[in-house]
Amino acid sequence: MSERVHVPPQAIDRADGTVAASGAVTPSDLRSVMGRFATGVVVITVGGEHVHGMTANAFGSISLEPPIVHCCIAHSAVMHGALSGSGRFGVSIMGAEQEGVVRYFADRKRPLGPAQFDAVDWVEGPHTGAPLLTGALAWLECEVLDVHVAGDHSLFLGRVLACENGVGDDALLFYQGRFHQVVAG
């Protein structure tokens, strides 16, 4: 039987050779560590007068009964105001072949408003009016249930109004700052 040894976090050297002080987590420390957590990639969209799209990887399921999902949006993001104003949103879960679309909706230089959707194929979500991107692995349409401020982001909880699978099984993941394709076996 091996003996467990407690090593205080401040005694662990960082990759760059420095030692982190206890409780002194910097944004770059957290980004580096969380980069080792592989996530799926979605494009969150809002329709109507606040039409906007944004690539995100801070998205997930919260509850099956009732069906609730979450997404985290930076206060500084255009999407924060659009989603707060609309109260409804769409989610397109992106497939392995959609890296170009994902990069497009992550580009801050793309057009804003309805013009940003001229470059992609989409259909209007029947429950939210949000653009749902053609070719996605799956789609959800949601209404905002609650919003919680969490540091420089807000956590939006959304009740799922409708969801549907697309075709294809190969996923797009985000890991260590890069996109990766996962081919279903």
N, C-alpha and C. Protein backbone atom coordinates (compact mmCIF):
# COMPACT_ATOMS: atom_id res chain seq x y z
N MET A 1 0.84 -1.17 0.00
CA MET A 1 0.00 0.00 0.00
C MET A 1 0.89 1.24 0.00
N SER A 2 0.61 2.15 -0.94
CA SER A 2 1.44 3.35 -1.01
C SER A 2 0.92 4.40 -0.03
N GLU A 3 1.85 5.21 0.40
CA GLU A 3 1.51 6.27 1.35
C GLU A 3 1.18 7.54 0.58
N ARG A 4 0.11 8.22 0.96
CA ARG A 4 -0.26 9.48 0.31
C ARG A 4 0.50 10.61 0.96
N VAL A 5 1.04 11.47 0.14
CA VAL A 5 1.80 12.61 0.61
C VAL A 5 1.10 13.87 0.14
N HIS A 6 0.82 14.77 1.05
CA HIS A 6 0.18 16.04 0.69
C HIS A 6 1.25 17.04 0.29
N VAL A 7 1.12 17.56 -0.93
CA VAL A 7 2.04 18.59 -1.41
C VAL A 7 1.24 19.87 -1.56
N PRO A 8 1.57 20.90 -0.78
CA PRO A 8 0.82 22.15 -0.91
C PRO A 8 0.98 22.74 -2.30
N PRO A 9 -0.09 23.34 -2.84
CA PRO A 9 -0.04 23.87 -4.21
C PRO A 9 1.12 24.84 -4.44
N GLN A 10 1.47 25.62 -3.44
CA GLN A 10 2.55 26.59 -3.64
C GLN A 10 3.90 25.92 -3.83
N ALA A 11 4.02 24.62 -3.53
CA ALA A 11 5.29 23.92 -3.69
C ALA A 11 5.44 23.32 -5.08
N ILE A 12 4.43 23.42 -5.91
CA ILE A 12 4.48 22.82 -7.24
C ILE A 12 5.00 23.86 -8.23
N ASP A 13 6.07 23.50 -8.93
CA ASP A 13 6.63 24.41 -9.92
C ASP A 13 5.73 24.49 -11.13
N ARG A 14 5.62 25.69 -11.69
CA ARG A 14 4.88 25.87 -12.93
C ARG A 14 5.75 25.38 -14.09
N ALA A 15 5.14 25.25 -15.23
CA ALA A 15 5.86 24.80 -16.43
C ALA A 15 7.01 25.75 -16.77
N ASP A 16 6.88 27.03 -16.42
CA ASP A 16 7.92 28.00 -16.74
C ASP A 16 9.03 28.07 -15.68
N GLY A 17 8.96 27.16 -14.68
CA GLY A 17 10.00 27.09 -13.66
C GLY A 17 9.77 27.95 -12.44
N THR A 18 8.72 28.75 -12.44
CA THR A 18 8.44 29.59 -11.28
C THR A 18 7.50 28.86 -10.33
N VAL A 19 7.40 29.38 -9.14
CA VAL A 19 6.52 28.79 -8.13
C VAL A 19 5.36 29.75 -7.89
N ALA A 20 4.13 29.25 -7.99
CA ALA A 20 2.95 30.07 -7.77
C ALA A 20 2.73 30.24 -6.27
N ALA A 21 2.44 31.45 -5.85
CA ALA A 21 2.08 31.71 -4.46
C ALA A 21 0.67 31.19 -4.23
N SER A 22 0.41 30.71 -3.04
CA SER A 22 -0.91 30.19 -2.72
C SER A 22 -1.98 31.25 -2.94
N GLY A 23 -3.01 30.90 -3.73
CA GLY A 23 -4.12 31.83 -3.98
C GLY A 23 -3.85 32.86 -5.04
N ALA A 24 -2.67 32.86 -5.65
CA ALA A 24 -2.34 33.87 -6.65
C ALA A 24 -2.47 33.30 -8.05
N VAL A 25 -3.67 32.88 -8.41
CA VAL A 25 -3.90 32.31 -9.73
C VAL A 25 -4.11 33.47 -10.71
N THR A 26 -3.29 33.50 -11.74
CA THR A 26 -3.41 34.55 -12.74
C THR A 26 -4.30 34.06 -13.88
N PRO A 27 -4.81 34.98 -14.70
CA PRO A 27 -5.59 34.55 -15.86
C PRO A 27 -4.81 33.59 -16.76
N SER A 28 -3.52 33.82 -16.94
CA SER A 28 -2.74 32.91 -17.80
C SER A 28 -2.57 31.55 -17.15
N ASP A 29 -2.45 31.49 -15.80
CA ASP A 29 -2.39 30.20 -15.10
C ASP A 29 -3.66 29.41 -15.37
N LEU A 30 -4.81 30.05 -15.16
CA LEU A 30 -6.08 29.36 -15.33
C LEU A 30 -6.29 28.94 -16.78
N ARG A 31 -5.95 29.81 -17.73
CA ARG A 31 -6.09 29.48 -19.16
C ARG A 31 -5.24 28.26 -19.49
N SER A 32 -4.02 28.20 -18.98
CA SER A 32 -3.13 27.07 -19.24
C SER A 32 -3.70 25.78 -18.68
N VAL A 33 -4.17 25.81 -17.45
CA VAL A 33 -4.72 24.60 -16.83
C VAL A 33 -6.01 24.18 -17.51
N MET A 34 -6.92 25.11 -17.74
CA MET A 34 -8.21 24.76 -18.35
C MET A 34 -8.05 24.35 -19.81
N GLY A 35 -6.95 24.75 -20.44
CA GLY A 35 -6.67 24.32 -21.80
C GLY A 35 -6.46 22.82 -21.91
N ARG A 36 -6.23 22.18 -20.78
CA ARG A 36 -6.06 20.73 -20.76
C ARG A 36 -7.38 19.99 -20.61
N PHE A 37 -8.47 20.74 -20.55
CA PHE A 37 -9.81 20.17 -20.48
C PHE A 37 -10.44 20.30 -21.86
N ALA A 38 -10.58 19.20 -22.57
CA ALA A 38 -11.15 19.22 -23.91
C ALA A 38 -12.64 19.54 -23.84
N THR A 39 -13.09 20.43 -24.71
CA THR A 39 -14.50 20.80 -24.75
C THR A 39 -15.03 20.71 -26.17
N GLY A 40 -16.32 20.56 -26.27
CA GLY A 40 -16.97 20.68 -27.56
C GLY A 40 -17.02 22.14 -27.97
N VAL A 41 -17.44 22.38 -29.19
CA VAL A 41 -17.50 23.75 -29.71
C VAL A 41 -18.91 24.00 -30.24
N VAL A 42 -19.48 25.14 -29.87
CA VAL A 42 -20.81 25.52 -30.33
C VAL A 42 -20.77 26.94 -30.89
N VAL A 43 -21.78 27.26 -31.67
CA VAL A 43 -22.03 28.65 -32.05
C VAL A 43 -23.37 29.00 -31.44
N ILE A 44 -23.35 30.00 -30.58
CA ILE A 44 -24.56 30.49 -29.93
C ILE A 44 -25.08 31.64 -30.78
N THR A 45 -26.39 31.66 -31.00
CA THR A 45 -26.98 32.69 -31.86
C THR A 45 -28.22 33.29 -31.21
N VAL A 46 -28.47 34.54 -31.56
CA VAL A 46 -29.67 35.26 -31.13
C VAL A 46 -30.30 35.84 -32.38
N GLY A 47 -31.60 35.77 -32.49
CA GLY A 47 -32.30 36.31 -33.65
C GLY A 47 -32.98 37.63 -33.34
N GLY A 48 -33.86 38.04 -34.24
CA GLY A 48 -34.65 39.26 -34.04
C GLY A 48 -33.82 40.52 -34.15
N GLU A 49 -34.20 41.54 -33.39
CA GLU A 49 -33.51 42.84 -33.48
C GLU A 49 -32.11 42.80 -32.90
N HIS A 50 -31.77 41.76 -32.14
CA HIS A 50 -30.44 41.63 -31.52
C HIS A 50 -29.60 40.57 -32.22
N VAL A 51 -29.86 40.26 -33.49
CA VAL A 51 -29.23 39.15 -34.19
C VAL A 51 -27.71 39.19 -34.03
N HIS A 52 -27.17 38.04 -33.60
CA HIS A 52 -25.73 37.93 -33.39
C HIS A 52 -25.36 36.46 -33.24
N GLY A 53 -24.10 36.14 -33.55
CA GLY A 53 -23.57 34.79 -33.38
C GLY A 53 -22.20 34.85 -32.73
N MET A 54 -21.86 33.81 -32.00
CA MET A 54 -20.59 33.78 -31.30
C MET A 54 -20.14 32.34 -31.07
N THR A 55 -18.89 32.05 -31.33
CA THR A 55 -18.31 30.75 -31.00
C THR A 55 -18.09 30.66 -29.50
N ALA A 56 -18.38 29.49 -28.94
CA ALA A 56 -18.20 29.29 -27.50
C ALA A 56 -17.82 27.85 -27.21
N ASN A 57 -17.13 27.66 -26.12
CA ASN A 57 -16.87 26.30 -25.64
C ASN A 57 -17.30 26.16 -24.18
N ALA A 58 -17.77 27.24 -23.58
CA ALA A 58 -18.30 27.19 -22.21
C ALA A 58 -19.81 26.99 -22.30
N PHE A 59 -20.19 25.75 -22.59
CA PHE A 59 -21.58 25.38 -22.78
C PHE A 59 -21.76 23.96 -22.28
N GLY A 60 -22.91 23.67 -21.71
CA GLY A 60 -23.16 22.30 -21.28
C GLY A 60 -24.57 22.09 -20.77
N SER A 61 -24.86 20.84 -20.49
CA SER A 61 -26.16 20.44 -19.96
C SER A 61 -26.15 20.57 -18.45
N ILE A 62 -27.24 21.07 -17.89
CA ILE A 62 -27.38 21.21 -16.44
C ILE A 62 -28.37 20.19 -15.90
N SER A 63 -29.51 20.04 -16.56
CA SER A 63 -30.59 19.18 -16.05
C SER A 63 -31.33 18.55 -17.22
N LEU A 64 -31.75 17.29 -17.02
CA LEU A 64 -32.57 16.62 -18.02
C LEU A 64 -34.05 16.85 -17.77
N GLU A 65 -34.45 16.95 -16.49
CA GLU A 65 -35.85 17.19 -16.11
C GLU A 65 -35.91 18.30 -15.08
N PRO A 66 -36.26 19.48 -15.41
CA PRO A 66 -36.57 19.97 -16.76
C PRO A 66 -35.29 20.13 -17.58
N PRO A 67 -35.41 20.19 -18.90
CA PRO A 67 -34.22 20.31 -19.74
C PRO A 67 -33.62 21.72 -19.65
N ILE A 68 -32.42 21.80 -19.07
CA ILE A 68 -31.74 23.08 -18.87
C ILE A 68 -30.29 22.96 -19.31
N VAL A 69 -29.81 23.98 -20.03
CA VAL A 69 -28.41 24.07 -20.43
C VAL A 69 -27.85 25.38 -19.90
N HIS A 70 -26.53 25.53 -20.02
CA HIS A 70 -25.89 26.79 -19.63
C HIS A 70 -24.89 27.22 -20.69
N CYS A 71 -24.64 28.52 -20.72
CA CYS A 71 -23.54 29.07 -21.50
C CYS A 71 -22.96 30.24 -20.71
N CYS A 72 -21.68 30.43 -20.83
CA CYS A 72 -21.00 31.53 -20.13
C CYS A 72 -20.54 32.54 -21.17
N ILE A 73 -20.87 33.80 -20.93
CA ILE A 73 -20.56 34.86 -21.89
C ILE A 73 -19.85 36.00 -21.16
N ALA A 74 -18.73 36.45 -21.71
CA ALA A 74 -17.99 37.58 -21.14
C ALA A 74 -18.85 38.83 -21.17
N HIS A 75 -18.75 39.64 -20.14
CA HIS A 75 -19.50 40.89 -20.09
C HIS A 75 -19.13 41.81 -21.25
N SER A 76 -17.88 41.70 -21.72
CA SER A 76 -17.40 42.56 -22.80
C SER A 76 -17.83 42.08 -24.19
N ALA A 77 -18.40 40.90 -24.29
CA ALA A 77 -18.79 40.34 -25.60
C ALA A 77 -20.08 40.98 -26.11
N VAL A 78 -20.16 41.19 -27.41
CA VAL A 78 -21.38 41.70 -28.03
C VAL A 78 -22.55 40.76 -27.69
N MET A 79 -22.27 39.45 -27.63
CA MET A 79 -23.32 38.47 -27.35
C MET A 79 -23.96 38.70 -25.98
N HIS A 80 -23.22 39.22 -25.03
CA HIS A 80 -23.79 39.44 -23.70
C HIS A 80 -25.00 40.36 -23.77
N GLY A 81 -24.83 41.47 -24.46
CA GLY A 81 -25.94 42.42 -24.62
C GLY A 81 -27.05 41.86 -25.49
N ALA A 82 -26.68 41.14 -26.57
CA ALA A 82 -27.68 40.58 -27.47
C ALA A 82 -28.54 39.55 -26.75
N LEU A 83 -27.90 38.66 -25.99
CA LEU A 83 -28.64 37.61 -25.29
C LEU A 83 -29.47 38.19 -24.15
N SER A 84 -28.91 39.16 -23.45
CA SER A 84 -29.67 39.82 -22.37
C SER A 84 -30.91 40.51 -22.93
N GLY A 85 -30.78 41.11 -24.12
CA GLY A 85 -31.90 41.81 -24.72
C GLY A 85 -32.95 40.90 -25.33
N SER A 86 -32.52 39.75 -25.84
CA SER A 86 -33.43 38.85 -26.54
C SER A 86 -34.17 37.90 -25.60
N GLY A 87 -33.43 37.29 -24.68
CA GLY A 87 -34.04 36.32 -23.78
C GLY A 87 -34.21 34.94 -24.39
N ARG A 88 -33.84 34.76 -25.65
CA ARG A 88 -33.92 33.45 -26.33
C ARG A 88 -32.67 33.28 -27.17
N PHE A 89 -32.25 32.02 -27.33
CA PHE A 89 -31.05 31.79 -28.12
C PHE A 89 -31.06 30.40 -28.75
N GLY A 90 -30.23 30.27 -29.78
CA GLY A 90 -30.03 29.01 -30.45
C GLY A 90 -28.61 28.52 -30.20
N VAL A 91 -28.43 27.22 -30.28
CA VAL A 91 -27.10 26.62 -30.13
C VAL A 91 -26.92 25.62 -31.26
N SER A 92 -25.84 25.78 -32.01
CA SER A 92 -25.46 24.82 -33.04
C SER A 92 -24.21 24.11 -32.55
N ILE A 93 -24.30 22.79 -32.35
CA ILE A 93 -23.16 21.99 -31.91
C ILE A 93 -22.38 21.61 -33.16
N MET A 94 -21.13 22.06 -33.21
CA MET A 94 -20.38 22.02 -34.46
C MET A 94 -19.66 20.70 -34.70
N GLY A 95 -19.66 20.30 -35.98
CA GLY A 95 -19.02 19.07 -36.41
C GLY A 95 -17.57 19.29 -36.81
N ALA A 96 -16.87 18.18 -37.02
CA ALA A 96 -15.44 18.20 -37.32
C ALA A 96 -15.09 19.02 -38.55
N GLU A 97 -15.98 19.04 -39.54
CA GLU A 97 -15.69 19.75 -40.79
C GLU A 97 -16.07 21.23 -40.75
N GLN A 98 -16.48 21.73 -39.58
CA GLN A 98 -16.97 23.10 -39.50
C GLN A 98 -16.01 24.07 -38.82
N GLU A 99 -14.73 23.74 -38.81
CA GLU A 99 -13.76 24.62 -38.17
C GLU A 99 -13.76 26.01 -38.78
N GLY A 100 -13.94 26.10 -40.09
CA GLY A 100 -13.97 27.41 -40.75
C GLY A 100 -15.12 28.27 -40.25
N VAL A 101 -16.28 27.68 -40.06
CA VAL A 101 -17.45 28.41 -39.55
C VAL A 101 -17.20 28.86 -38.10
N VAL A 102 -16.60 27.97 -37.32
CA VAL A 102 -16.29 28.28 -35.92
C VAL A 102 -15.31 29.45 -35.85
N ARG A 103 -14.27 29.39 -36.67
CA ARG A 103 -13.29 30.49 -36.69
C ARG A 103 -13.95 31.81 -37.14
N TYR A 104 -14.85 31.72 -38.09
CA TYR A 104 -15.56 32.91 -38.57
C TYR A 104 -16.32 33.58 -37.42
N PHE A 105 -17.08 32.80 -36.63
CA PHE A 105 -17.87 33.39 -35.54
C PHE A 105 -17.02 33.75 -34.33
N ALA A 106 -15.74 33.38 -34.34
CA ALA A 106 -14.81 33.81 -33.29
C ALA A 106 -14.05 35.07 -33.70
N ASP A 107 -14.13 35.44 -34.98
CA ASP A 107 -13.39 36.58 -35.52
C ASP A 107 -14.11 37.89 -35.20
N ARG A 108 -13.48 38.73 -34.44
CA ARG A 108 -14.09 40.02 -34.06
C ARG A 108 -14.15 41.01 -35.22
N LYS A 109 -13.52 40.67 -36.34
CA LYS A 109 -13.52 41.55 -37.50
C LYS A 109 -14.66 41.26 -38.47
N ARG A 110 -15.44 40.21 -38.21
CA ARG A 110 -16.54 39.88 -39.11
C ARG A 110 -17.62 40.97 -38.99
N PRO A 111 -18.49 41.07 -39.98
CA PRO A 111 -19.57 42.06 -39.88
C PRO A 111 -20.47 41.74 -38.68
N LEU A 112 -21.11 42.75 -38.16
CA LEU A 112 -22.08 42.54 -37.09
C LEU A 112 -23.49 42.63 -37.66
N GLY A 113 -24.47 42.30 -36.84
CA GLY A 113 -25.86 42.35 -37.27
C GLY A 113 -26.16 41.25 -38.28
N PRO A 114 -27.23 41.43 -39.04
CA PRO A 114 -27.65 40.39 -39.99
C PRO A 114 -26.59 40.02 -41.02
N ALA A 115 -25.70 40.95 -41.37
CA ALA A 115 -24.69 40.70 -42.40
C ALA A 115 -23.73 39.57 -42.02
N GLN A 116 -23.54 39.33 -40.73
CA GLN A 116 -22.61 38.26 -40.33
C GLN A 116 -23.11 36.88 -40.74
N PHE A 117 -24.41 36.75 -41.00
CA PHE A 117 -24.97 35.46 -41.39
C PHE A 117 -25.03 35.27 -42.90
N ASP A 118 -24.62 36.29 -43.67
CA ASP A 118 -24.58 36.17 -45.13
C ASP A 118 -23.53 35.15 -45.58
N ALA A 119 -22.51 34.93 -44.78
CA ALA A 119 -21.40 34.06 -45.16
C ALA A 119 -21.63 32.58 -44.84
N VAL A 120 -22.75 32.25 -44.19
CA VAL A 120 -23.00 30.86 -43.78
C VAL A 120 -24.43 30.46 -44.14
N ASP A 121 -24.64 29.14 -44.24
CA ASP A 121 -25.99 28.62 -44.45
C ASP A 121 -26.64 28.41 -43.10
N TRP A 122 -27.92 28.81 -43.01
CA TRP A 122 -28.63 28.68 -41.74
C TRP A 122 -30.13 28.66 -41.99
N VAL A 123 -30.85 28.23 -40.97
CA VAL A 123 -32.31 28.30 -40.99
C VAL A 123 -32.75 29.00 -39.71
N GLU A 124 -33.90 29.62 -39.78
CA GLU A 124 -34.43 30.32 -38.60
C GLU A 124 -35.08 29.31 -37.65
N GLY A 125 -34.67 29.35 -36.41
CA GLY A 125 -35.26 28.47 -35.41
C GLY A 125 -36.73 28.81 -35.21
N PRO A 126 -37.63 27.84 -35.31
CA PRO A 126 -39.06 28.12 -35.20
C PRO A 126 -39.52 28.57 -33.82
N HIS A 127 -38.74 28.27 -32.78
CA HIS A 127 -39.14 28.64 -31.41
C HIS A 127 -38.48 29.91 -30.91
N THR A 128 -37.35 30.28 -31.52
CA THR A 128 -36.59 31.43 -31.01
C THR A 128 -36.32 32.49 -32.06
N GLY A 129 -36.42 32.13 -33.33
CA GLY A 129 -36.03 33.05 -34.40
C GLY A 129 -34.52 33.15 -34.56
N ALA A 130 -33.77 32.41 -33.75
CA ALA A 130 -32.30 32.44 -33.81
C ALA A 130 -31.81 31.64 -35.01
N PRO A 131 -30.77 32.12 -35.68
CA PRO A 131 -30.19 31.35 -36.77
C PRO A 131 -29.60 30.03 -36.24
N LEU A 132 -29.95 28.92 -36.88
CA LEU A 132 -29.38 27.61 -36.57
C LEU A 132 -28.54 27.21 -37.79
N LEU A 133 -27.27 26.90 -37.56
CA LEU A 133 -26.33 26.71 -38.66
C LEU A 133 -26.48 25.35 -39.32
N THR A 134 -26.59 25.37 -40.63
CA THR A 134 -26.73 24.16 -41.43
C THR A 134 -25.46 23.32 -41.30
N GLY A 135 -25.63 22.01 -41.22
CA GLY A 135 -24.50 21.10 -41.16
C GLY A 135 -24.00 20.80 -39.75
N ALA A 136 -24.62 21.42 -38.74
CA ALA A 136 -24.21 21.16 -37.36
C ALA A 136 -24.57 19.73 -36.97
N LEU A 137 -23.89 19.23 -35.93
CA LEU A 137 -24.19 17.89 -35.42
C LEU A 137 -25.55 17.86 -34.72
N ALA A 138 -25.93 18.98 -34.12
CA ALA A 138 -27.20 19.07 -33.40
C ALA A 138 -27.53 20.53 -33.15
N TRP A 139 -28.80 20.79 -32.80
CA TRP A 139 -29.26 22.15 -32.51
C TRP A 139 -30.13 22.14 -31.27
N LEU A 140 -30.11 23.26 -30.57
CA LEU A 140 -31.02 23.49 -29.45
C LEU A 140 -31.58 24.90 -29.58
N GLU A 141 -32.80 25.07 -29.12
CA GLU A 141 -33.40 26.40 -29.00
C GLU A 141 -33.80 26.56 -27.54
N CYS A 142 -33.46 27.70 -26.97
CA CYS A 142 -33.62 27.90 -25.52
C CYS A 142 -34.17 29.27 -25.19
N GLU A 143 -34.80 29.35 -24.01
CA GLU A 143 -35.17 30.65 -23.45
C GLU A 143 -34.41 30.82 -22.14
N VAL A 144 -33.96 32.03 -21.88
CA VAL A 144 -33.18 32.32 -20.68
C VAL A 144 -34.07 32.19 -19.45
N LEU A 145 -33.64 31.32 -18.53
CA LEU A 145 -34.34 31.15 -17.25
C LEU A 145 -33.79 32.08 -16.18
N ASP A 146 -32.46 32.21 -16.17
CA ASP A 146 -31.80 32.96 -15.12
C ASP A 146 -30.42 33.36 -15.59
N VAL A 147 -29.87 34.39 -14.98
CA VAL A 147 -28.53 34.86 -15.29
C VAL A 147 -27.81 35.10 -13.97
N HIS A 148 -26.59 34.59 -13.86
CA HIS A 148 -25.78 34.77 -12.66
C HIS A 148 -24.47 35.42 -13.05
N VAL A 149 -24.15 36.54 -12.41
CA VAL A 149 -22.88 37.19 -12.64
C VAL A 149 -21.80 36.36 -11.96
N ALA A 150 -20.74 36.07 -12.70
CA ALA A 150 -19.63 35.27 -12.19
C ALA A 150 -18.32 35.89 -12.67
N GLY A 151 -17.77 36.79 -11.88
CA GLY A 151 -16.54 37.47 -12.27
C GLY A 151 -16.76 38.32 -13.50
N ASP A 152 -15.93 38.11 -14.54
CA ASP A 152 -16.04 38.90 -15.77
C ASP A 152 -16.98 38.27 -16.79
N HIS A 153 -17.71 37.24 -16.39
CA HIS A 153 -18.68 36.56 -17.25
C HIS A 153 -20.04 36.52 -16.58
N SER A 154 -21.05 36.17 -17.36
CA SER A 154 -22.37 35.84 -16.81
C SER A 154 -22.69 34.42 -17.23
N LEU A 155 -23.27 33.68 -16.31
CA LEU A 155 -23.72 32.33 -16.57
C LEU A 155 -25.20 32.41 -16.91
N PHE A 156 -25.54 32.09 -18.15
CA PHE A 156 -26.92 32.10 -18.61
C PHE A 156 -27.46 30.68 -18.52
N LEU A 157 -28.57 30.50 -17.81
CA LEU A 157 -29.25 29.21 -17.76
C LEU A 157 -30.41 29.28 -18.74
N GLY A 158 -30.51 28.28 -19.59
CA GLY A 158 -31.55 28.28 -20.61
C GLY A 158 -32.41 27.03 -20.56
N ARG A 159 -33.73 27.23 -20.57
CA ARG A 159 -34.66 26.10 -20.68
C ARG A 159 -34.72 25.71 -22.14
N VAL A 160 -34.51 24.43 -22.42
CA VAL A 160 -34.50 23.94 -23.79
C VAL A 160 -35.95 23.84 -24.28
N LEU A 161 -36.24 24.59 -25.33
CA LEU A 161 -37.58 24.57 -25.94
C LEU A 161 -37.69 23.49 -27.00
N ALA A 162 -36.58 23.21 -27.68
CA ALA A 162 -36.55 22.21 -28.74
C ALA A 162 -35.10 21.81 -28.97
N CYS A 163 -34.91 20.56 -29.42
CA CYS A 163 -33.57 20.11 -29.78
C CYS A 163 -33.70 19.04 -30.86
N GLU A 164 -32.65 18.93 -31.67
CA GLU A 164 -32.70 18.00 -32.80
C GLU A 164 -31.28 17.61 -33.18
N ASN A 165 -31.10 16.34 -33.54
CA ASN A 165 -29.81 15.87 -34.06
C ASN A 165 -29.72 16.15 -35.54
N GLY A 166 -28.52 16.46 -35.99
CA GLY A 166 -28.24 16.58 -37.42
C GLY A 166 -27.69 15.27 -37.92
N VAL A 167 -27.01 15.32 -39.05
CA VAL A 167 -26.37 14.13 -39.58
C VAL A 167 -24.87 14.21 -39.28
N GLY A 168 -24.24 13.06 -39.24
CA GLY A 168 -22.80 13.02 -38.97
C GLY A 168 -22.53 12.76 -37.50
N ASP A 169 -21.35 12.23 -37.26
CA ASP A 169 -20.94 11.88 -35.89
C ASP A 169 -19.58 12.44 -35.52
N ASP A 170 -18.85 13.00 -36.46
CA ASP A 170 -17.50 13.47 -36.18
C ASP A 170 -17.55 14.86 -35.56
N ALA A 171 -16.90 15.00 -34.40
CA ALA A 171 -17.02 16.22 -33.60
C ALA A 171 -15.80 17.12 -33.72
N LEU A 172 -16.01 18.38 -33.40
CA LEU A 172 -14.94 19.36 -33.31
C LEU A 172 -14.72 19.65 -31.83
N LEU A 173 -13.47 19.50 -31.39
CA LEU A 173 -13.12 19.77 -30.00
C LEU A 173 -12.13 20.91 -29.93
N PHE A 174 -12.08 21.55 -28.76
CA PHE A 174 -11.11 22.59 -28.48
C PHE A 174 -10.25 22.09 -27.34
N TYR A 175 -8.92 22.00 -27.57
CA TYR A 175 -8.00 21.48 -26.57
C TYR A 175 -6.65 22.18 -26.71
N GLN A 176 -6.15 22.69 -25.62
CA GLN A 176 -4.87 23.40 -25.56
C GLN A 176 -4.76 24.50 -26.62
N GLY A 177 -5.85 25.26 -26.73
CA GLY A 177 -5.85 26.42 -27.61
C GLY A 177 -5.99 26.12 -29.09
N ARG A 178 -6.29 24.86 -29.44
CA ARG A 178 -6.41 24.50 -30.85
C ARG A 178 -7.65 23.64 -31.06
N PHE A 179 -8.10 23.62 -32.30
CA PHE A 179 -9.23 22.77 -32.68
C PHE A 179 -8.70 21.39 -33.07
N HIS A 180 -9.48 20.37 -32.74
CA HIS A 180 -9.14 18.99 -33.07
C HIS A 180 -10.41 18.28 -33.55
N GLN A 181 -10.22 17.38 -34.50
CA GLN A 181 -11.35 16.59 -35.01
C GLN A 181 -11.37 15.23 -34.33
N VAL A 182 -12.55 14.83 -33.89
CA VAL A 182 -12.74 13.51 -33.31
C VAL A 182 -13.60 12.73 -34.28
N VAL A 183 -13.03 11.67 -34.81
CA VAL A 183 -13.75 10.83 -35.77
C VAL A 183 -14.40 9.69 -35.00
N ALA A 184 -15.73 9.61 -35.10
CA ALA A 184 -16.47 8.55 -34.42
C ALA A 184 -16.08 7.21 -35.03
N GLY A 185 -15.86 6.25 -34.18
CA GLY A 185 -15.37 4.97 -34.65
C GLY A 185 -16.42 3.97 -34.75
